[in-house]
Amino acid sequence: MRIERWTPDQLARRQGDWSALLARSDADPLACSPEWLLAWWEIHAPLLDLEPVFLAAMRQDELAGLGLFSLSDVRHKGGLRGRRLELVGNAWRREGMGVSERAGLVVDRHDDEQIAGALLAHAFEIGGFDDMVVHYAELGSATDRAVSAMAREVSGYLRRADALEAWAVPLEAGFKSFVGKLGTGTRVRVMGGRRRMKIAGHVRERRSDAGTLDDFLQVMDGLHRERWGRPLFNGPWGDFHAEIAHRQTARGVPVVSLLEFDGQPVSAMLNFRAGRTEYTLQSALTESPVRRASPGWVHLGFAIERAAADGMAWFDLLGGEGKNTQYKAALRGEHSEIACLQVIRSPVLKAAYRAWDRIPRS
C-alpha cells in the first residue's frame, strides 16, 4: 500500500473510484460522498483560504482509503493563533459554515484500522500544523480509533469536544412496525395528530421536483423567518445546502416537502438521501392550526412513512436536541454519539487547552 497526495482536480476525476470505495466502507454514505464533499470544498475553500491535503491510500491500482484534509490558519482560545489540519466537510467553530455530521476517513472496511492509521501517519509526516480536528466523527468508529492511536503515537493531547447524541430509525420492517414500537404518547403525536388534522380540514404532503424546488426553498425560508425572525438559507451554510438540494433534485430526490393544511404550508422539511438512508437536515413550521396536533410531529410521520415506502433502510435524525425535549429519542431509533476529535501537538496550545479543560463547568 502507498499513500498519494492528490490535487482537487485529481480527486474530482476519481469520483467513480471514490464512490466504489464508499460502498466498501462503513463511512457515512452522505457526509463522506463525492456529491457532498466536493460541493462543500467548492463553496468553503475560497472563503476560508483552505490548502488541500487530499491523501489517497492505494493498494496496487485500487483506491483503498481517502483522507481529505485542509490546512488553514485559525484563532484559538485566548487569542492564540495556529495552523490547523482539519477533515474536509467542517470548519470547526467558524460560524455560518456548512456542517457534516458522521464525518470520517473513507477506508475499506476489511482493513479499516490499518488504512486509517496509514493515512493519519502520512498526514502527520507532512506536518505544518499545530492541531488536527475531525469534527462530528462517530465515537467507536475506525476514524475515532485511528485518531486515538495517532494521538498516543505523537504524544498529542486528545480532546473529544461538542459531543452530540444522534439517532437513526430503522425502516427495514416497514412503517407499521415503526409505529407499533412507539410509546403511547409519541404515537398519539405522530398518528393522532394526523387524524385530528384530517378531521379538521384538508391535509396533505407535497414534495419538490426540479420545477418547484426553488419555490419550496423560498416557502421554507419564509416559515423559518416567521418563527425565528431570521432567514434560513443565507451565507455559506445556506449556499451549501441549496447546492446539495439542486444536485439531489437533478437525480430525482424530493429534497423539500411541505405539509399543507387547507392549502397553506404549516411545516417544511429539508431531507437528503444517500444509499438507503434518508437524512433530515432542517425543518421549519408555524403554530398549529388544529388543537392538539403538532405540524412538526405530523410531518415527521409522513416523511418516515414515505421513506419506508420508497425502500429506505434508515431515517437518520442526525445529532442534537429539540427546542424543549429530546424528541429524537422518542422515535425509538438506534443511538450513537458523535463528537469533535482534536489532537493538539503544539506545547503552547497543549498547556492552554489543558488549563481550559480543568476549569469546572456548572
Protein backbone atom coordinates (compact mmCIF):
# COMPACT_ATOMS: atom_id res chain seq x y z
CA MET A 1 0.00 0.00 0.00
CA ARG A 2 1.23 3.50 -0.82
CA ILE A 3 -0.11 6.95 0.04
CA GLU A 4 -0.54 9.52 -2.74
CA ARG A 5 -1.32 13.21 -2.39
CA TRP A 6 -3.95 14.32 -4.89
CA THR A 7 -4.96 17.73 -6.17
CA PRO A 8 -8.65 18.78 -6.14
CA ASP A 9 -8.76 18.12 -9.91
CA GLN A 10 -7.36 14.60 -9.46
CA LEU A 11 -9.93 13.93 -6.74
CA ALA A 12 -12.79 15.14 -8.92
CA ARG A 13 -11.64 12.87 -11.75
CA ARG A 14 -11.67 9.83 -9.44
CA GLN A 15 -15.27 10.15 -8.26
CA GLY A 16 -16.12 6.70 -9.62
CA ASP A 17 -13.33 5.07 -7.59
CA TRP A 18 -14.34 7.16 -4.57
CA SER A 19 -17.97 6.00 -4.80
CA ALA A 20 -16.88 2.37 -5.18
CA LEU A 21 -14.67 2.71 -2.08
CA LEU A 22 -17.51 4.34 -0.14
CA ALA A 23 -19.71 1.32 -0.89
CA ARG A 24 -16.96 -0.96 0.54
CA SER A 25 -16.58 1.14 3.68
CA ASP A 26 -18.52 1.88 6.85
CA ALA A 27 -18.23 5.64 6.23
CA ASP A 28 -21.41 7.66 6.09
CA PRO A 29 -22.88 7.49 2.56
CA LEU A 30 -23.89 11.18 2.54
CA ALA A 31 -21.31 13.10 4.59
CA CYS A 32 -18.40 11.20 3.02
CA SER A 33 -19.71 11.15 -0.56
CA PRO A 34 -18.27 12.96 -3.61
CA GLU A 35 -21.56 14.81 -4.02
CA TRP A 36 -21.39 16.25 -0.51
CA LEU A 37 -17.68 16.92 -0.02
CA LEU A 38 -16.90 18.31 -3.47
CA ALA A 39 -19.75 20.81 -3.08
CA TRP A 40 -18.51 21.70 0.41
CA TRP A 41 -14.98 22.27 -0.91
CA GLU A 42 -16.11 24.40 -3.87
CA ILE A 43 -18.03 26.77 -1.57
CA HIS A 44 -15.81 26.91 1.50
CA ALA A 45 -12.21 26.58 0.26
CA PRO A 46 -12.05 30.08 -1.31
CA LEU A 47 -13.80 31.70 1.66
CA LEU A 48 -11.52 30.17 4.27
CA ASP A 49 -8.31 30.11 2.20
CA LEU A 50 -8.01 26.34 2.62
CA GLU A 51 -4.98 24.43 1.36
CA PRO A 52 -5.89 20.88 0.24
CA VAL A 53 -4.18 17.87 1.76
CA PHE A 54 -6.01 15.10 -0.09
CA LEU A 55 -4.49 11.73 0.72
CA ALA A 56 -5.31 8.51 -1.17
CA ALA A 57 -4.26 5.07 0.04
CA MET A 58 -3.60 2.88 -2.99
CA ARG A 59 -3.35 -0.91 -2.94
CA GLN A 60 -1.65 -1.54 -6.29
CA ASP A 61 -4.04 0.38 -8.59
CA GLU A 62 -7.12 0.15 -6.35
CA LEU A 63 -8.24 3.01 -4.11
CA ALA A 64 -8.35 1.62 -0.55
CA GLY A 65 -8.72 4.79 1.52
CA LEU A 66 -9.26 8.54 1.42
CA GLY A 67 -8.30 11.15 4.00
CA LEU A 68 -9.44 14.54 2.73
CA PHE A 69 -7.92 17.28 4.87
CA SER A 70 -7.37 21.01 4.64
CA LEU A 71 -4.77 23.31 6.18
CA SER A 72 -5.76 26.77 7.39
CA ASP A 73 -4.90 29.49 9.90
CA VAL A 74 -7.20 29.58 12.93
CA ARG A 75 -7.65 31.52 16.16
CA HIS A 76 -7.76 29.52 19.40
CA LYS A 77 -8.98 30.31 22.89
CA GLY A 78 -7.34 33.34 24.45
CA GLY A 79 -6.44 34.81 21.07
CA LEU A 80 -3.72 32.24 20.32
CA ARG A 81 -3.18 31.56 16.64
CA GLY A 82 -2.13 28.38 14.93
CA ARG A 83 -2.19 26.24 11.83
CA ARG A 84 -4.86 23.52 11.71
CA LEU A 85 -5.22 20.30 9.76
CA GLU A 86 -8.96 19.58 9.51
CA LEU A 87 -11.01 16.91 7.83
CA VAL A 88 -12.88 18.44 4.88
CA GLY A 89 -16.60 18.98 5.50
CA ASN A 90 -16.40 21.20 8.58
CA ALA A 91 -14.82 24.42 9.75
CA TRP A 92 -14.84 23.95 13.50
CA ARG A 93 -16.36 26.84 15.43
CA ARG A 94 -16.35 29.17 12.46
CA GLU A 95 -19.90 30.46 12.31
CA GLY A 96 -22.16 30.14 9.31
CA MET A 97 -20.27 27.31 7.61
CA GLY A 98 -21.72 24.06 6.28
CA VAL A 99 -21.58 21.19 8.78
CA SER A 100 -21.05 17.49 8.10
CA GLU A 101 -22.20 15.04 10.77
CA ARG A 102 -20.80 11.50 10.90
CA ALA A 103 -17.64 12.73 9.19
CA GLY A 104 -14.66 10.44 8.89
CA LEU A 105 -11.98 8.78 6.81
CA VAL A 106 -13.24 6.63 3.94
CA VAL A 107 -11.48 3.26 4.25
CA ASP A 108 -12.15 -0.26 3.05
CA ARG A 109 -13.95 -2.00 5.93
CA HIS A 110 -11.89 -5.19 5.54
CA ASP A 111 -8.69 -3.40 6.57
CA ASP A 112 -10.05 -0.21 8.08
CA GLU A 113 -7.74 0.37 11.04
CA GLN A 114 -4.52 -0.26 9.10
CA ILE A 115 -5.57 2.03 6.24
CA ALA A 116 -6.89 4.76 8.55
CA GLY A 117 -3.66 4.62 10.54
CA ALA A 118 -1.55 4.88 7.40
CA LEU A 119 -3.48 7.94 6.17
CA LEU A 120 -3.11 9.73 9.51
CA ALA A 121 0.56 8.79 9.83
CA HIS A 122 1.25 10.30 6.40
CA ALA A 123 -0.63 13.48 7.31
CA PHE A 124 1.47 13.86 10.46
CA GLU A 125 4.67 13.22 8.48
CA ILE A 126 3.74 16.10 6.16
CA GLY A 127 3.27 18.26 9.27
CA GLY A 128 2.95 22.02 9.18
CA PHE A 129 0.10 22.19 11.70
CA ASP A 130 -0.41 22.71 15.43
CA ASP A 131 -3.60 20.72 15.87
CA MET A 132 -5.73 18.29 13.89
CA VAL A 133 -9.52 18.28 14.01
CA VAL A 134 -12.03 15.66 12.89
CA HIS A 135 -15.41 17.21 13.54
CA TYR A 136 -18.52 15.13 14.39
CA ALA A 137 -16.98 11.71 13.94
CA GLU A 138 -18.90 8.76 15.32
CA LEU A 139 -17.32 7.58 18.57
CA GLY A 140 -16.12 4.00 18.32
CA SER A 141 -15.67 4.19 14.53
CA ALA A 142 -12.48 3.31 12.66
CA THR A 143 -11.74 7.04 12.42
CA ASP A 144 -12.14 7.54 16.17
CA ARG A 145 -9.89 4.56 16.93
CA ALA A 146 -7.22 5.68 14.46
CA VAL A 147 -7.19 9.26 15.79
CA SER A 148 -6.84 7.97 19.37
CA ALA A 149 -3.92 5.74 18.36
CA MET A 150 -2.22 8.57 16.48
CA ALA A 151 -2.59 10.92 19.46
CA ARG A 152 -0.74 8.40 21.62
CA GLU A 153 1.95 7.87 18.99
CA VAL A 154 2.77 11.58 18.63
CA SER A 155 2.25 12.39 22.34
CA GLY A 156 -0.59 14.72 21.41
CA TYR A 157 -3.30 15.98 23.70
CA LEU A 158 -6.54 14.30 22.60
CA ARG A 159 -9.83 16.10 23.24
CA ARG A 160 -13.38 14.94 22.48
CA ALA A 161 -15.49 18.08 22.42
CA ASP A 162 -19.01 19.16 21.47
CA ALA A 163 -20.45 15.66 21.88
CA LEU A 164 -23.94 15.11 20.48
CA GLU A 165 -26.38 12.24 20.73
CA ALA A 166 -27.58 11.04 17.33
CA TRP A 167 -30.48 8.82 16.36
CA ALA A 168 -31.39 6.80 13.27
CA VAL A 169 -34.72 4.98 12.83
CA PRO A 170 -34.53 1.53 11.14
CA LEU A 171 -37.15 1.09 8.41
CA GLU A 172 -36.48 -2.39 7.02
CA ALA A 173 -39.56 -3.76 8.83
CA GLY A 174 -41.80 -1.05 7.39
CA PHE A 175 -43.79 1.91 8.67
CA LYS A 176 -46.39 -0.13 10.58
CA SER A 177 -43.62 -1.79 12.57
CA PHE A 178 -42.12 1.64 13.32
CA VAL A 179 -45.47 2.96 14.59
CA GLY A 180 -46.03 -0.18 16.66
CA LYS A 181 -42.76 0.35 18.55
CA LEU A 182 -43.56 3.92 19.54
CA GLY A 183 -44.58 4.79 23.05
CA THR A 184 -48.21 5.76 23.55
CA GLY A 185 -47.55 9.50 23.81
CA THR A 186 -45.34 9.60 20.71
CA ARG A 187 -47.81 7.51 18.70
CA VAL A 188 -50.55 9.98 19.61
CA ARG A 189 -48.38 12.88 18.43
CA VAL A 190 -47.48 11.21 15.12
CA MET A 191 -50.69 9.42 14.15
CA GLY A 192 -53.28 11.00 16.44
CA GLY A 193 -52.23 14.46 15.29
CA ARG A 194 -52.60 13.35 11.68
CA ARG A 195 -56.17 12.15 12.33
CA ARG A 196 -57.10 15.40 14.06
CA MET A 197 -55.80 17.48 11.18
CA LYS A 198 -57.68 15.33 8.66
CA ILE A 199 -60.92 15.70 10.63
CA ALA A 200 -60.46 19.49 10.93
CA GLY A 201 -59.62 20.15 7.27
CA HIS A 202 -57.65 19.06 4.22
CA VAL A 203 -54.08 17.95 5.00
CA ARG A 204 -51.51 16.76 2.51
CA GLU A 205 -47.76 16.49 1.99
CA ARG A 206 -46.31 17.94 -1.20
CA ARG A 207 -42.81 17.12 -2.45
CA SER A 208 -40.48 19.24 -4.54
CA ASP A 209 -39.19 18.43 -8.00
CA ALA A 210 -36.92 20.22 -10.47
CA GLY A 211 -39.66 22.66 -11.39
CA THR A 212 -40.72 23.55 -7.85
CA LEU A 213 -37.51 23.28 -5.78
CA ASP A 214 -36.67 26.99 -5.64
CA ASP A 215 -40.26 27.89 -4.73
CA PHE A 216 -40.28 25.25 -1.98
CA LEU A 217 -36.97 26.53 -0.59
CA GLN A 218 -38.44 30.03 -0.52
CA VAL A 219 -41.53 28.82 1.37
CA MET A 220 -39.33 27.02 3.88
CA ASP A 221 -37.21 30.14 4.36
CA GLY A 222 -40.39 32.16 4.94
CA LEU A 223 -41.64 29.75 7.63
CA HIS A 224 -38.26 29.96 9.36
CA ARG A 225 -38.27 33.78 9.24
CA GLU A 226 -41.80 33.83 10.66
CA ARG A 227 -40.89 31.61 13.60
CA TRP A 228 -37.31 32.71 14.34
CA GLY A 229 -37.06 36.18 12.83
CA ARG A 230 -34.10 35.37 10.58
CA PRO A 231 -33.54 33.76 7.19
CA LEU A 232 -32.58 30.12 6.89
CA PHE A 233 -30.78 29.96 3.55
CA ASN A 234 -28.13 32.64 3.89
CA GLY A 235 -24.34 32.67 3.96
CA PRO A 236 -22.12 29.65 3.19
CA TRP A 237 -24.39 27.29 5.17
CA GLY A 238 -27.38 28.26 3.04
CA ASP A 239 -25.42 28.21 -0.22
CA PHE A 240 -24.06 24.75 0.57
CA HIS A 241 -27.41 23.18 1.41
CA ALA A 242 -29.09 24.82 -1.57
CA GLU A 243 -26.36 23.41 -3.82
CA ILE A 244 -26.83 19.88 -2.43
CA ALA A 245 -30.59 20.29 -2.83
CA HIS A 246 -30.19 21.13 -6.50
CA ARG A 247 -27.74 18.25 -7.07
CA GLN A 248 -30.04 15.73 -5.41
CA THR A 249 -33.12 17.06 -7.18
CA ALA A 250 -31.31 16.60 -10.50
CA ARG A 251 -31.14 12.87 -9.77
CA GLY A 252 -34.76 12.64 -8.70
CA VAL A 253 -34.68 13.06 -4.91
CA PRO A 254 -37.64 15.09 -3.49
CA VAL A 255 -35.49 17.03 -1.04
CA VAL A 256 -38.06 19.54 0.25
CA SER A 257 -41.52 18.54 1.42
CA LEU A 258 -44.33 20.80 2.60
CA LEU A 259 -47.15 19.84 4.94
CA GLU A 260 -50.21 21.86 3.95
CA PHE A 261 -53.42 22.40 5.88
CA ASP A 262 -56.31 23.76 3.84
CA GLY A 263 -53.83 24.79 1.17
CA GLN A 264 -51.47 26.69 3.50
CA PRO A 265 -47.96 25.43 4.38
CA VAL A 266 -47.63 24.71 8.10
CA SER A 267 -44.38 22.71 8.06
CA ALA A 268 -41.39 22.32 5.74
CA MET A 269 -38.64 19.72 5.84
CA LEU A 270 -35.28 19.54 4.04
CA ASN A 271 -34.18 15.91 3.65
CA PHE A 272 -31.36 14.40 1.62
CA ARG A 273 -30.79 10.80 0.56
CA ALA A 274 -27.69 8.68 0.05
CA GLY A 275 -27.55 4.92 -0.32
CA ARG A 276 -30.61 3.60 1.51
CA THR A 277 -30.65 6.35 4.13
CA GLU A 278 -32.78 9.48 4.31
CA TYR A 279 -31.39 12.31 6.44
CA THR A 280 -33.49 15.08 7.93
CA LEU A 281 -31.34 18.21 7.80
CA GLN A 282 -33.63 21.08 8.68
CA SER A 283 -37.27 21.84 9.40
CA ALA A 284 -39.46 24.92 9.79
CA LEU A 285 -43.05 25.20 10.97
CA THR A 286 -45.82 27.51 12.11
CA GLU A 287 -48.11 27.39 15.12
CA SER A 288 -50.60 24.57 14.75
CA PRO A 289 -53.95 25.47 13.16
CA VAL A 290 -55.52 22.46 14.90
CA ARG A 291 -55.76 21.92 18.65
CA ARG A 292 -53.62 19.04 19.96
CA ALA A 293 -51.93 18.46 16.61
CA SER A 294 -48.30 19.45 16.08
CA PRO A 295 -47.39 20.13 12.42
CA GLY A 296 -43.82 19.03 13.13
CA TRP A 297 -44.78 15.61 14.53
CA VAL A 298 -47.39 15.04 11.83
CA HIS A 299 -44.97 15.98 9.07
CA LEU A 300 -42.28 13.74 10.53
CA GLY A 301 -44.72 10.83 10.40
CA PHE A 302 -45.49 11.49 6.73
CA ALA A 303 -41.77 11.72 5.87
CA ILE A 304 -40.86 8.47 7.66
CA GLU A 305 -43.81 6.67 6.04
CA ARG A 306 -42.74 7.86 2.59
CA ALA A 307 -39.08 6.91 3.19
CA ALA A 308 -40.14 3.38 4.17
CA ALA A 309 -42.40 3.10 1.12
CA ASP A 310 -39.51 4.21 -1.11
CA GLY A 311 -37.29 1.41 0.20
CA MET A 312 -35.09 3.42 2.55
CA ALA A 313 -33.48 1.29 5.26
CA TRP A 314 -32.81 4.19 7.66
CA PHE A 315 -34.29 7.55 8.56
CA ASP A 316 -31.36 9.43 10.11
CA LEU A 317 -32.31 12.20 12.53
CA LEU A 318 -28.64 13.18 12.97
CA GLY A 319 -27.36 14.80 16.17
CA GLY A 320 -28.67 17.42 18.55
CA GLU A 321 -31.78 18.02 20.59
CA GLY A 322 -35.14 19.64 20.01
CA LYS A 323 -36.06 23.05 21.35
CA ASN A 324 -37.67 21.70 24.52
CA THR A 325 -37.18 17.91 24.57
CA GLN A 326 -35.02 15.17 23.06
CA TYR A 327 -37.81 14.21 20.66
CA LYS A 328 -35.44 12.07 18.58
CA ALA A 329 -35.08 9.52 21.38
CA ALA A 330 -38.87 9.14 21.50
CA LEU A 331 -38.85 7.71 17.97
CA ARG A 332 -37.12 4.57 19.27
CA GLY A 333 -34.23 4.63 16.80
CA GLU A 334 -30.67 3.39 17.21
CA HIS A 335 -28.47 5.64 19.32
CA SER A 336 -24.91 6.75 18.62
CA GLU A 337 -22.64 9.51 19.81
CA ILE A 338 -20.68 11.93 17.64
CA ALA A 339 -18.03 14.40 18.74
CA CYS A 340 -15.20 16.63 17.62
CA LEU A 341 -11.82 14.90 17.89
CA GLN A 342 -8.92 17.29 18.40
CA VAL A 343 -5.26 16.23 18.60
CA ILE A 344 -3.05 19.10 19.81
CA ARG A 345 0.67 18.99 19.02
CA SER A 346 1.88 22.49 19.91
CA PRO A 347 3.24 22.66 23.50
CA VAL A 348 1.76 26.14 23.99
CA LEU A 349 -1.69 25.04 22.81
CA LYS A 350 -1.49 21.84 24.88
CA ALA A 351 -0.92 23.90 28.02
CA ALA A 352 -3.70 26.34 27.14
CA TYR A 353 -6.31 23.67 26.40
CA ARG A 354 -5.37 21.54 29.40
CA ALA A 355 -5.87 24.59 31.61
CA TRP A 356 -9.20 25.33 29.93
CA ASP A 357 -10.38 21.73 30.35
CA ARG A 358 -9.58 21.80 34.07
CA ILE A 359 -11.97 24.69 34.69
CA PRO A 360 -15.12 23.32 36.43
CA ARG A 361 -18.31 23.59 34.38
CA SER A 362 -21.62 24.12 36.13
